[in-house]
Amino acid sequence: MDTSRSERLVQNFLQHEPKYKRKIQKYSGNFKTTPEMIFPLLCPAREADWIPGWNSELIYTESGYAEDKCVFRTNKSNSAGEGLWTFTGFKLNEYIEFVRFQRDVLMHCKIHLTQNEDGTTTVSWKIISTALSEKGNKFLDNISTTERKRQPIFELIDYYLKNGEMISKLSVIKNKIHSRH
């Protein structure tokens, strides 16, 4: 079998620094509830219930909710920004995995839920972002890979779980101001 072309391609790539950057972010949080309460919230439809500014266009889902191979789109007005999203892994109450395509960055994310012995749940996120252009490289330069204790998304989930409703945009603004001081 002649593999000389592929070998040249690989060697050429390996001999140079990658043209585009990659960053990995990891963070986790604990919630005083079960995975069965948190997991359904990790859904392109259900996120409209607890994330201010969230809206999505469902492209393909058999149930209307999160499921393996679900595809949806967010536009520029969405709180997460523009992107085309597809679920690449899904195990009920344990994890979801998805890829988000943007013009200049591709993000691969896995969210894992672990039931703890004390009845709490640890939610762990791992996001691998890969630039697809020089503009993507600049975007990644502004992403911190330092783990932060308090993630805004965790505060939104926690508020919804405790109150059964979305946090008000005014509260989000107050929390941002408070977290700066």
N, C-alpha and C. Protein backbone atom coordinates (compact mmCIF):
# COMPACT_ATOMS: atom_id res chain seq x y z
N MET A 1 0.84 -1.18 0.00
CA MET A 1 0.00 0.00 0.00
C MET A 1 0.89 1.25 0.00
N ASP A 2 0.65 2.18 -0.89
CA ASP A 2 1.45 3.40 -0.99
C ASP A 2 0.86 4.46 -0.05
N THR A 3 1.56 4.76 1.03
CA THR A 3 1.13 5.77 2.00
C THR A 3 2.06 6.99 1.97
N SER A 4 2.83 7.14 0.92
CA SER A 4 3.83 8.22 0.87
C SER A 4 3.20 9.60 0.91
N ARG A 5 2.05 9.78 0.27
CA ARG A 5 1.41 11.10 0.29
C ARG A 5 0.95 11.47 1.69
N SER A 6 0.31 10.53 2.36
CA SER A 6 -0.16 10.84 3.71
C SER A 6 1.02 11.04 4.66
N GLU A 7 2.07 10.26 4.50
CA GLU A 7 3.25 10.42 5.34
C GLU A 7 3.89 11.79 5.15
N ARG A 8 3.96 12.27 3.92
CA ARG A 8 4.50 13.61 3.63
C ARG A 8 3.63 14.68 4.29
N LEU A 9 2.34 14.52 4.17
CA LEU A 9 1.41 15.47 4.78
C LEU A 9 1.62 15.54 6.29
N VAL A 10 1.71 14.39 6.94
CA VAL A 10 1.91 14.33 8.39
C VAL A 10 3.27 14.91 8.77
N GLN A 11 4.31 14.53 8.09
CA GLN A 11 5.65 15.02 8.41
C GLN A 11 5.73 16.53 8.23
N ASN A 12 5.14 17.04 7.17
CA ASN A 12 5.12 18.49 6.94
C ASN A 12 4.42 19.20 8.10
N PHE A 13 3.32 18.65 8.56
CA PHE A 13 2.59 19.25 9.68
C PHE A 13 3.43 19.20 10.96
N LEU A 14 4.02 18.05 11.24
CA LEU A 14 4.76 17.87 12.49
C LEU A 14 6.06 18.66 12.55
N GLN A 15 6.61 19.06 11.41
CA GLN A 15 7.86 19.81 11.38
C GLN A 15 7.67 21.29 11.69
N HIS A 16 6.46 21.75 11.73
CA HIS A 16 6.19 23.17 11.96
C HIS A 16 5.33 23.35 13.21
N GLU A 17 5.42 24.51 13.79
CA GLU A 17 4.51 24.85 14.89
C GLU A 17 3.10 24.90 14.31
N PRO A 18 2.10 24.45 15.08
CA PRO A 18 0.73 24.54 14.56
C PRO A 18 0.38 25.99 14.23
N LYS A 19 -0.28 26.17 13.13
CA LYS A 19 -0.67 27.50 12.66
C LYS A 19 -1.77 28.10 13.55
N TYR A 20 -2.62 27.22 14.04
CA TYR A 20 -3.76 27.67 14.84
C TYR A 20 -3.65 27.16 16.26
N LYS A 21 -4.16 27.94 17.19
CA LYS A 21 -4.02 27.66 18.62
C LYS A 21 -5.15 26.77 19.14
N ARG A 22 -4.87 26.18 20.29
CA ARG A 22 -5.86 25.39 21.00
C ARG A 22 -5.75 25.71 22.49
N LYS A 23 -6.90 25.83 23.15
CA LYS A 23 -6.93 26.04 24.60
C LYS A 23 -7.90 25.06 25.21
N ILE A 24 -7.56 24.61 26.41
CA ILE A 24 -8.42 23.70 27.15
C ILE A 24 -8.83 24.38 28.45
N GLN A 25 -10.13 24.38 28.71
CA GLN A 25 -10.67 24.93 29.94
C GLN A 25 -11.37 23.81 30.70
N LYS A 26 -11.18 23.80 32.02
CA LYS A 26 -11.86 22.83 32.87
C LYS A 26 -12.40 23.57 34.08
N TYR A 27 -13.63 23.23 34.45
CA TYR A 27 -14.16 23.75 35.69
C TYR A 27 -15.28 22.85 36.19
N SER A 28 -15.54 22.96 37.48
CA SER A 28 -16.56 22.11 38.07
C SER A 28 -17.25 22.84 39.21
N GLY A 29 -18.42 22.35 39.56
CA GLY A 29 -19.19 22.93 40.65
C GLY A 29 -20.05 21.86 41.30
N ASN A 30 -20.40 22.08 42.55
CA ASN A 30 -21.24 21.15 43.29
C ASN A 30 -22.62 21.74 43.51
N PHE A 31 -23.61 20.88 43.41
CA PHE A 31 -25.01 21.28 43.58
C PHE A 31 -25.67 20.36 44.60
N LYS A 32 -26.54 20.94 45.39
CA LYS A 32 -27.25 20.17 46.42
C LYS A 32 -28.49 19.53 45.84
N THR A 33 -28.28 18.69 44.84
CA THR A 33 -29.38 17.98 44.20
C THR A 33 -28.81 16.79 43.42
N THR A 34 -29.66 16.09 42.75
CA THR A 34 -29.27 14.88 42.03
C THR A 34 -28.98 15.17 40.55
N PRO A 35 -28.26 14.28 39.88
CA PRO A 35 -28.06 14.45 38.44
C PRO A 35 -29.39 14.48 37.68
N GLU A 36 -30.39 13.74 38.17
CA GLU A 36 -31.70 13.70 37.51
C GLU A 36 -32.38 15.06 37.49
N MET A 37 -32.04 15.94 38.43
CA MET A 37 -32.61 17.29 38.44
C MET A 37 -31.83 18.24 37.53
N ILE A 38 -30.53 18.03 37.43
CA ILE A 38 -29.67 18.94 36.66
C ILE A 38 -29.66 18.58 35.18
N PHE A 39 -29.54 17.29 34.87
CA PHE A 39 -29.33 16.85 33.49
C PHE A 39 -30.35 17.40 32.49
N PRO A 40 -31.65 17.39 32.80
CA PRO A 40 -32.61 17.89 31.81
C PRO A 40 -32.41 19.37 31.44
N LEU A 41 -31.74 20.12 32.33
CA LEU A 41 -31.50 21.54 32.05
C LEU A 41 -30.44 21.75 30.98
N LEU A 42 -29.63 20.74 30.71
CA LEU A 42 -28.54 20.83 29.73
C LEU A 42 -29.08 20.49 28.34
N CYS A 43 -29.97 21.32 27.87
CA CYS A 43 -30.75 21.04 26.67
C CYS A 43 -30.99 22.35 25.92
N PRO A 44 -30.88 22.36 24.59
CA PRO A 44 -31.06 23.60 23.84
C PRO A 44 -32.45 24.22 24.01
N ALA A 45 -33.45 23.43 24.25
CA ALA A 45 -34.80 23.98 24.50
C ALA A 45 -34.94 24.43 25.95
N ARG A 46 -34.55 23.59 26.90
CA ARG A 46 -34.73 23.88 28.32
C ARG A 46 -33.85 25.03 28.80
N GLU A 47 -32.73 25.30 28.13
CA GLU A 47 -31.87 26.40 28.55
C GLU A 47 -32.59 27.74 28.44
N ALA A 48 -33.62 27.82 27.62
CA ALA A 48 -34.43 29.04 27.52
C ALA A 48 -35.15 29.32 28.84
N ASP A 49 -35.32 28.30 29.68
CA ASP A 49 -35.99 28.47 30.97
C ASP A 49 -35.10 29.09 32.03
N TRP A 50 -33.78 28.94 31.91
CA TRP A 50 -32.91 29.37 33.01
C TRP A 50 -31.70 30.23 32.62
N ILE A 51 -31.43 30.41 31.33
CA ILE A 51 -30.31 31.26 30.90
C ILE A 51 -30.87 32.55 30.28
N PRO A 52 -30.66 33.70 30.92
CA PRO A 52 -31.12 34.96 30.33
C PRO A 52 -30.51 35.17 28.93
N GLY A 53 -31.34 35.52 27.97
CA GLY A 53 -30.87 35.79 26.61
C GLY A 53 -30.67 34.55 25.76
N TRP A 54 -31.08 33.37 26.27
CA TRP A 54 -30.90 32.15 25.50
C TRP A 54 -32.05 31.96 24.53
N ASN A 55 -31.73 31.71 23.28
CA ASN A 55 -32.72 31.28 22.30
C ASN A 55 -31.97 30.44 21.28
N SER A 56 -32.64 29.44 20.78
CA SER A 56 -31.99 28.55 19.82
C SER A 56 -33.00 28.10 18.78
N GLU A 57 -32.48 27.71 17.65
CA GLU A 57 -33.30 27.13 16.58
C GLU A 57 -32.99 25.64 16.53
N LEU A 58 -33.97 24.82 16.85
CA LEU A 58 -33.78 23.38 16.78
C LEU A 58 -33.76 22.97 15.31
N ILE A 59 -32.72 22.29 14.89
CA ILE A 59 -32.59 21.85 13.51
C ILE A 59 -32.99 20.38 13.39
N TYR A 60 -32.48 19.56 14.32
CA TYR A 60 -32.89 18.16 14.32
C TYR A 60 -32.87 17.60 15.72
N THR A 61 -34.00 17.07 16.13
CA THR A 61 -34.15 16.32 17.37
C THR A 61 -35.46 15.56 17.25
N GLU A 62 -35.45 14.31 17.59
CA GLU A 62 -36.68 13.52 17.50
C GLU A 62 -37.65 13.87 18.61
N SER A 63 -37.14 14.21 19.79
CA SER A 63 -37.99 14.47 20.95
C SER A 63 -38.30 15.95 21.16
N GLY A 64 -37.50 16.84 20.55
CA GLY A 64 -37.63 18.26 20.81
C GLY A 64 -36.69 18.72 21.92
N TYR A 65 -36.06 17.76 22.58
CA TYR A 65 -35.14 18.05 23.68
C TYR A 65 -33.77 17.48 23.37
N ALA A 66 -32.83 17.66 24.31
CA ALA A 66 -31.47 17.14 24.12
C ALA A 66 -31.50 15.63 23.96
N GLU A 67 -30.70 15.17 23.01
CA GLU A 67 -30.56 13.73 22.75
C GLU A 67 -29.33 13.56 21.89
N ASP A 68 -28.85 12.33 21.79
CA ASP A 68 -27.69 12.06 20.95
C ASP A 68 -27.99 12.47 19.51
N LYS A 69 -27.06 13.14 18.90
CA LYS A 69 -27.11 13.63 17.50
C LYS A 69 -28.07 14.80 17.30
N CYS A 70 -28.54 15.40 18.38
CA CYS A 70 -29.37 16.61 18.30
C CYS A 70 -28.53 17.72 17.64
N VAL A 71 -29.15 18.53 16.79
CA VAL A 71 -28.46 19.63 16.11
C VAL A 71 -29.30 20.89 16.30
N PHE A 72 -28.64 21.99 16.67
CA PHE A 72 -29.35 23.26 16.82
C PHE A 72 -28.40 24.40 16.50
N ARG A 73 -29.00 25.58 16.36
CA ARG A 73 -28.23 26.77 15.98
C ARG A 73 -28.57 27.90 16.95
N THR A 74 -27.57 28.71 17.25
CA THR A 74 -27.79 29.95 17.99
C THR A 74 -27.34 31.10 17.10
N ASN A 75 -28.00 32.23 17.24
CA ASN A 75 -27.63 33.38 16.42
C ASN A 75 -26.88 34.41 17.25
N LYS A 76 -26.50 35.51 16.63
CA LYS A 76 -25.70 36.54 17.30
C LYS A 76 -26.37 37.11 18.53
N SER A 77 -27.70 37.14 18.56
CA SER A 77 -28.40 37.72 19.71
C SER A 77 -28.46 36.77 20.90
N ASN A 78 -28.07 35.51 20.72
CA ASN A 78 -28.07 34.56 21.82
C ASN A 78 -26.99 34.92 22.83
N SER A 79 -27.25 34.66 24.11
CA SER A 79 -26.27 34.99 25.15
C SER A 79 -24.95 34.23 24.95
N ALA A 80 -24.98 33.09 24.27
CA ALA A 80 -23.75 32.33 23.99
C ALA A 80 -23.12 32.73 22.66
N GLY A 81 -23.80 33.56 21.89
CA GLY A 81 -23.30 33.96 20.58
C GLY A 81 -23.71 32.99 19.49
N GLU A 82 -23.24 33.29 18.30
CA GLU A 82 -23.60 32.52 17.11
C GLU A 82 -22.86 31.19 17.06
N GLY A 83 -23.55 30.16 16.62
CA GLY A 83 -22.89 28.86 16.45
C GLY A 83 -23.83 27.79 15.96
N LEU A 84 -23.25 26.75 15.42
CA LEU A 84 -23.96 25.54 15.02
C LEU A 84 -23.47 24.46 15.95
N TRP A 85 -24.40 23.80 16.64
CA TRP A 85 -24.07 22.85 17.70
C TRP A 85 -24.59 21.46 17.32
N THR A 86 -23.82 20.43 17.65
CA THR A 86 -24.30 19.06 17.47
C THR A 86 -23.83 18.21 18.63
N PHE A 87 -24.75 17.42 19.18
CA PHE A 87 -24.41 16.50 20.25
C PHE A 87 -23.65 15.32 19.65
N THR A 88 -22.52 14.99 20.26
CA THR A 88 -21.70 13.88 19.78
C THR A 88 -21.66 12.73 20.78
N GLY A 89 -22.21 12.95 21.96
CA GLY A 89 -22.28 11.92 22.98
C GLY A 89 -23.36 12.29 23.97
N PHE A 90 -24.01 11.28 24.51
CA PHE A 90 -25.15 11.54 25.39
C PHE A 90 -25.45 10.28 26.19
N LYS A 91 -25.40 10.38 27.51
CA LYS A 91 -25.83 9.29 28.37
C LYS A 91 -26.67 9.91 29.48
N LEU A 92 -27.94 9.61 29.48
CA LEU A 92 -28.92 10.21 30.39
C LEU A 92 -28.40 10.26 31.82
N ASN A 93 -28.43 11.46 32.38
CA ASN A 93 -28.06 11.75 33.77
C ASN A 93 -26.58 11.54 34.08
N GLU A 94 -25.76 11.28 33.06
CA GLU A 94 -24.33 11.10 33.28
C GLU A 94 -23.46 12.11 32.54
N TYR A 95 -23.70 12.28 31.23
CA TYR A 95 -22.88 13.25 30.49
C TYR A 95 -23.55 13.63 29.17
N ILE A 96 -23.14 14.81 28.70
CA ILE A 96 -23.43 15.21 27.32
C ILE A 96 -22.10 15.67 26.72
N GLU A 97 -22.02 15.51 25.44
CA GLU A 97 -20.83 15.92 24.71
C GLU A 97 -21.32 16.57 23.43
N PHE A 98 -20.75 17.72 23.10
CA PHE A 98 -21.17 18.38 21.88
C PHE A 98 -20.02 19.13 21.25
N VAL A 99 -20.20 19.44 19.98
CA VAL A 99 -19.26 20.27 19.23
C VAL A 99 -20.02 21.50 18.78
N ARG A 100 -19.38 22.65 18.96
CA ARG A 100 -19.96 23.92 18.53
C ARG A 100 -19.05 24.51 17.45
N PHE A 101 -19.63 24.74 16.29
CA PHE A 101 -18.89 25.33 15.17
C PHE A 101 -19.22 26.82 15.12
N GLN A 102 -18.18 27.62 15.10
CA GLN A 102 -18.33 29.05 14.86
C GLN A 102 -17.47 29.37 13.64
N ARG A 103 -17.55 30.57 13.17
CA ARG A 103 -16.78 30.92 11.97
C ARG A 103 -15.27 30.73 12.20
N ASP A 104 -14.76 31.12 13.37
CA ASP A 104 -13.32 31.14 13.59
C ASP A 104 -12.83 30.19 14.67
N VAL A 105 -13.75 29.51 15.37
CA VAL A 105 -13.37 28.62 16.47
C VAL A 105 -14.28 27.40 16.47
N LEU A 106 -13.69 26.25 16.74
CA LEU A 106 -14.44 25.02 16.95
C LEU A 106 -14.28 24.64 18.42
N MET A 107 -15.41 24.37 19.10
CA MET A 107 -15.35 24.01 20.52
C MET A 107 -15.91 22.61 20.71
N HIS A 108 -15.16 21.80 21.43
CA HIS A 108 -15.62 20.47 21.80
C HIS A 108 -15.81 20.50 23.31
N CYS A 109 -17.01 20.16 23.78
CA CYS A 109 -17.32 20.26 25.20
C CYS A 109 -17.90 18.96 25.72
N LYS A 110 -17.47 18.59 26.91
CA LYS A 110 -18.06 17.43 27.60
C LYS A 110 -18.45 17.89 29.00
N ILE A 111 -19.70 17.65 29.35
CA ILE A 111 -20.22 17.98 30.67
C ILE A 111 -20.57 16.66 31.34
N HIS A 112 -19.93 16.41 32.47
CA HIS A 112 -20.09 15.15 33.18
C HIS A 112 -20.72 15.41 34.56
N LEU A 113 -21.71 14.62 34.93
CA LEU A 113 -22.38 14.74 36.22
C LEU A 113 -22.04 13.52 37.07
N THR A 114 -21.62 13.77 38.31
CA THR A 114 -21.26 12.69 39.23
C THR A 114 -22.07 12.81 40.51
N GLN A 115 -22.80 11.77 40.84
CA GLN A 115 -23.56 11.72 42.09
C GLN A 115 -22.58 11.44 43.22
N ASN A 116 -22.59 12.28 44.25
CA ASN A 116 -21.70 12.11 45.40
C ASN A 116 -22.45 11.39 46.53
N GLU A 117 -21.69 10.78 47.42
CA GLU A 117 -22.28 10.03 48.53
C GLU A 117 -23.14 10.89 49.44
N ASP A 118 -22.83 12.18 49.52
CA ASP A 118 -23.59 13.07 50.41
C ASP A 118 -24.87 13.61 49.76
N GLY A 119 -25.23 13.10 48.58
CA GLY A 119 -26.46 13.52 47.92
C GLY A 119 -26.28 14.71 46.98
N THR A 120 -25.07 15.25 46.93
CA THR A 120 -24.81 16.36 46.01
C THR A 120 -24.37 15.80 44.67
N THR A 121 -24.30 16.69 43.69
CA THR A 121 -23.83 16.33 42.36
C THR A 121 -22.70 17.27 41.96
N THR A 122 -21.63 16.69 41.44
CA THR A 122 -20.55 17.49 40.88
C THR A 122 -20.73 17.52 39.37
N VAL A 123 -20.73 18.73 38.82
CA VAL A 123 -20.83 18.93 37.38
C VAL A 123 -19.46 19.42 36.91
N SER A 124 -18.85 18.67 36.00
CA SER A 124 -17.53 19.01 35.48
C SER A 124 -17.63 19.31 33.99
N TRP A 125 -17.01 20.41 33.59
CA TRP A 125 -16.98 20.82 32.18
C TRP A 125 -15.55 20.77 31.68
N LYS A 126 -15.40 20.30 30.47
CA LYS A 126 -14.11 20.38 29.78
C LYS A 126 -14.40 20.91 28.39
N ILE A 127 -13.77 22.02 28.06
CA ILE A 127 -13.97 22.65 26.76
C ILE A 127 -12.62 22.74 26.05
N ILE A 128 -12.55 22.15 24.87
CA ILE A 128 -11.35 22.23 24.04
C ILE A 128 -11.71 23.14 22.87
N SER A 129 -11.06 24.30 22.82
CA SER A 129 -11.33 25.28 21.76
C SER A 129 -10.15 25.30 20.80
N THR A 130 -10.44 25.20 19.50
CA THR A 130 -9.41 25.20 18.47
C THR A 130 -9.70 26.32 17.48
N ALA A 131 -8.72 27.17 17.28
CA ALA A 131 -8.87 28.26 16.31
C ALA A 131 -8.90 27.68 14.90
N LEU A 132 -9.67 28.32 14.04
CA LEU A 132 -9.77 27.91 12.64
C LEU A 132 -9.23 28.98 11.70
N SER A 133 -8.78 30.10 12.30
CA SER A 133 -8.27 31.23 11.53
C SER A 133 -7.43 32.11 12.45
N GLU A 134 -6.80 33.13 11.88
CA GLU A 134 -6.05 34.09 12.70
C GLU A 134 -6.98 34.82 13.66
N LYS A 135 -8.18 35.14 13.21
CA LYS A 135 -9.16 35.78 14.08
C LYS A 135 -9.50 34.84 15.25
N GLY A 136 -9.58 33.55 14.98
CA GLY A 136 -9.80 32.57 16.04
C GLY A 136 -8.64 32.52 17.02
N ASN A 137 -7.41 32.63 16.51
CA ASN A 137 -6.24 32.70 17.39
C ASN A 137 -6.35 33.87 18.35
N LYS A 138 -6.76 35.02 17.84
CA LYS A 138 -6.91 36.21 18.68
C LYS A 138 -8.01 36.00 19.72
N PHE A 139 -9.10 35.36 19.33
CA PHE A 139 -10.18 35.05 20.26
C PHE A 139 -9.65 34.15 21.39
N LEU A 140 -8.88 33.13 21.04
CA LEU A 140 -8.34 32.21 22.05
C LEU A 140 -7.33 32.89 22.97
N ASP A 141 -6.63 33.90 22.46
CA ASP A 141 -5.70 34.64 23.31
C ASP A 141 -6.42 35.27 24.50
N ASN A 142 -7.69 35.56 24.35
CA ASN A 142 -8.46 36.21 25.41
C ASN A 142 -9.18 35.22 26.34
N ILE A 143 -9.00 33.93 26.10
CA ILE A 143 -9.63 32.92 26.96
C ILE A 143 -8.65 32.49 28.03
N SER A 144 -9.09 32.56 29.26
CA SER A 144 -8.25 32.12 30.38
C SER A 144 -8.40 30.62 30.58
N THR A 145 -7.29 29.95 30.84
CA THR A 145 -7.35 28.52 31.14
C THR A 145 -7.21 28.28 32.65
N THR A 146 -7.18 29.37 33.43
CA THR A 146 -7.12 29.25 34.87
C THR A 146 -8.49 28.82 35.39
N GLU A 147 -8.50 27.79 36.23
CA GLU A 147 -9.78 27.32 36.78
C GLU A 147 -10.31 28.35 37.75
N ARG A 148 -11.57 28.69 37.57
CA ARG A 148 -12.23 29.62 38.49
C ARG A 148 -13.19 28.83 39.35
N LYS A 149 -13.31 29.25 40.61
CA LYS A 149 -14.21 28.56 41.54
C LYS A 149 -15.66 28.81 41.15
N ARG A 150 -15.99 30.05 40.83
CA ARG A 150 -17.39 30.40 40.55
C ARG A 150 -17.57 30.66 39.06
N GLN A 151 -18.34 29.82 38.44
CA GLN A 151 -18.67 30.00 37.03
C GLN A 151 -20.06 30.61 36.94
N PRO A 152 -20.25 31.64 36.13
CA PRO A 152 -21.58 32.25 36.01
C PRO A 152 -22.66 31.24 35.63
N ILE A 153 -22.34 30.27 34.78
CA ILE A 153 -23.34 29.29 34.36
C ILE A 153 -23.82 28.48 35.55
N PHE A 154 -22.92 28.20 36.49
CA PHE A 154 -23.30 27.44 37.69
C PHE A 154 -24.24 28.26 38.57
N GLU A 155 -23.99 29.55 38.64
CA GLU A 155 -24.88 30.41 39.42
C GLU A 155 -26.28 30.44 38.82
N LEU A 156 -26.36 30.43 37.49
CA LEU A 156 -27.67 30.42 36.83
C LEU A 156 -28.42 29.11 37.09
N ILE A 157 -27.70 27.99 36.99
CA ILE A 157 -28.32 26.68 37.26
C ILE A 157 -28.78 26.62 38.71
N ASP A 158 -27.91 27.02 39.62
CA ASP A 158 -28.23 26.95 41.05
C ASP A 158 -29.46 27.80 41.38
N TYR A 159 -29.51 28.99 40.83
CA TYR A 159 -30.66 29.87 41.08
C TYR A 159 -31.95 29.21 40.58
N TYR A 160 -31.90 28.68 39.39
CA TYR A 160 -33.09 28.03 38.81
C TYR A 160 -33.52 26.83 39.65
N LEU A 161 -32.57 26.01 40.06
CA LEU A 161 -32.90 24.84 40.88
C LEU A 161 -33.52 25.23 42.21
N LYS A 162 -33.05 26.32 42.81
CA LYS A 162 -33.57 26.76 44.11
C LYS A 162 -34.89 27.49 44.00
N ASN A 163 -35.10 28.25 42.90
CA ASN A 163 -36.25 29.14 42.80
C ASN A 163 -37.28 28.74 41.75
N GLY A 164 -36.92 27.82 40.85
CA GLY A 164 -37.86 27.37 39.83
C GLY A 164 -38.12 28.38 38.75
N GLU A 165 -37.28 29.42 38.68
CA GLU A 165 -37.41 30.43 37.64
C GLU A 165 -36.04 31.00 37.30
N MET A 166 -35.98 31.66 36.16
CA MET A 166 -34.74 32.26 35.68
C MET A 166 -34.37 33.45 36.56
N ILE A 167 -33.08 33.60 36.81
CA ILE A 167 -32.60 34.77 37.52
C ILE A 167 -32.88 36.00 36.65
N SER A 168 -33.20 37.12 37.27
CA SER A 168 -33.49 38.32 36.49
C SER A 168 -32.19 38.90 35.93
N LYS A 169 -32.32 39.59 34.79
CA LYS A 169 -31.14 40.21 34.19
C LYS A 169 -30.52 41.23 35.14
N LEU A 170 -31.34 41.88 35.95
CA LEU A 170 -30.85 42.85 36.93
C LEU A 170 -29.95 42.14 37.95
N SER A 171 -30.35 40.96 38.39
CA SER A 171 -29.54 40.18 39.34
C SER A 171 -28.22 39.77 38.70
N VAL A 172 -28.24 39.42 37.43
CA VAL A 172 -27.02 39.04 36.72
C VAL A 172 -26.06 40.22 36.70
N ILE A 173 -26.57 41.41 36.40
CA ILE A 173 -25.73 42.62 36.36
C ILE A 173 -25.16 42.91 37.75
N LYS A 174 -26.00 42.81 38.79
CA LYS A 174 -25.53 43.04 40.16
C LYS A 174 -24.45 42.03 40.53
N ASN A 175 -24.61 40.76 40.15
CA ASN A 175 -23.61 39.75 40.45
C ASN A 175 -22.30 40.04 39.75
N LYS A 176 -22.35 40.52 38.50
CA LYS A 176 -21.12 40.86 37.78
C LYS A 176 -20.40 42.00 38.48
N ILE A 177 -21.14 43.02 38.90
CA ILE A 177 -20.54 44.17 39.60
C ILE A 177 -19.95 43.71 40.92
N HIS A 178 -20.71 42.88 41.67
CA HIS A 178 -20.26 42.40 42.96
C HIS A 178 -19.00 41.52 42.84
N SER A 179 -18.93 40.69 41.79
CA SER A 179 -17.80 39.78 41.63
C SER A 179 -16.52 40.53 41.24
N ARG A 180 -16.64 41.75 40.76
CA ARG A 180 -15.45 42.54 40.40
C ARG A 180 -14.78 43.14 41.65
N HIS A 181 -15.54 43.26 42.71
CA HIS A 181 -14.99 43.92 43.93
C HIS A 181 -14.60 42.93 44.98
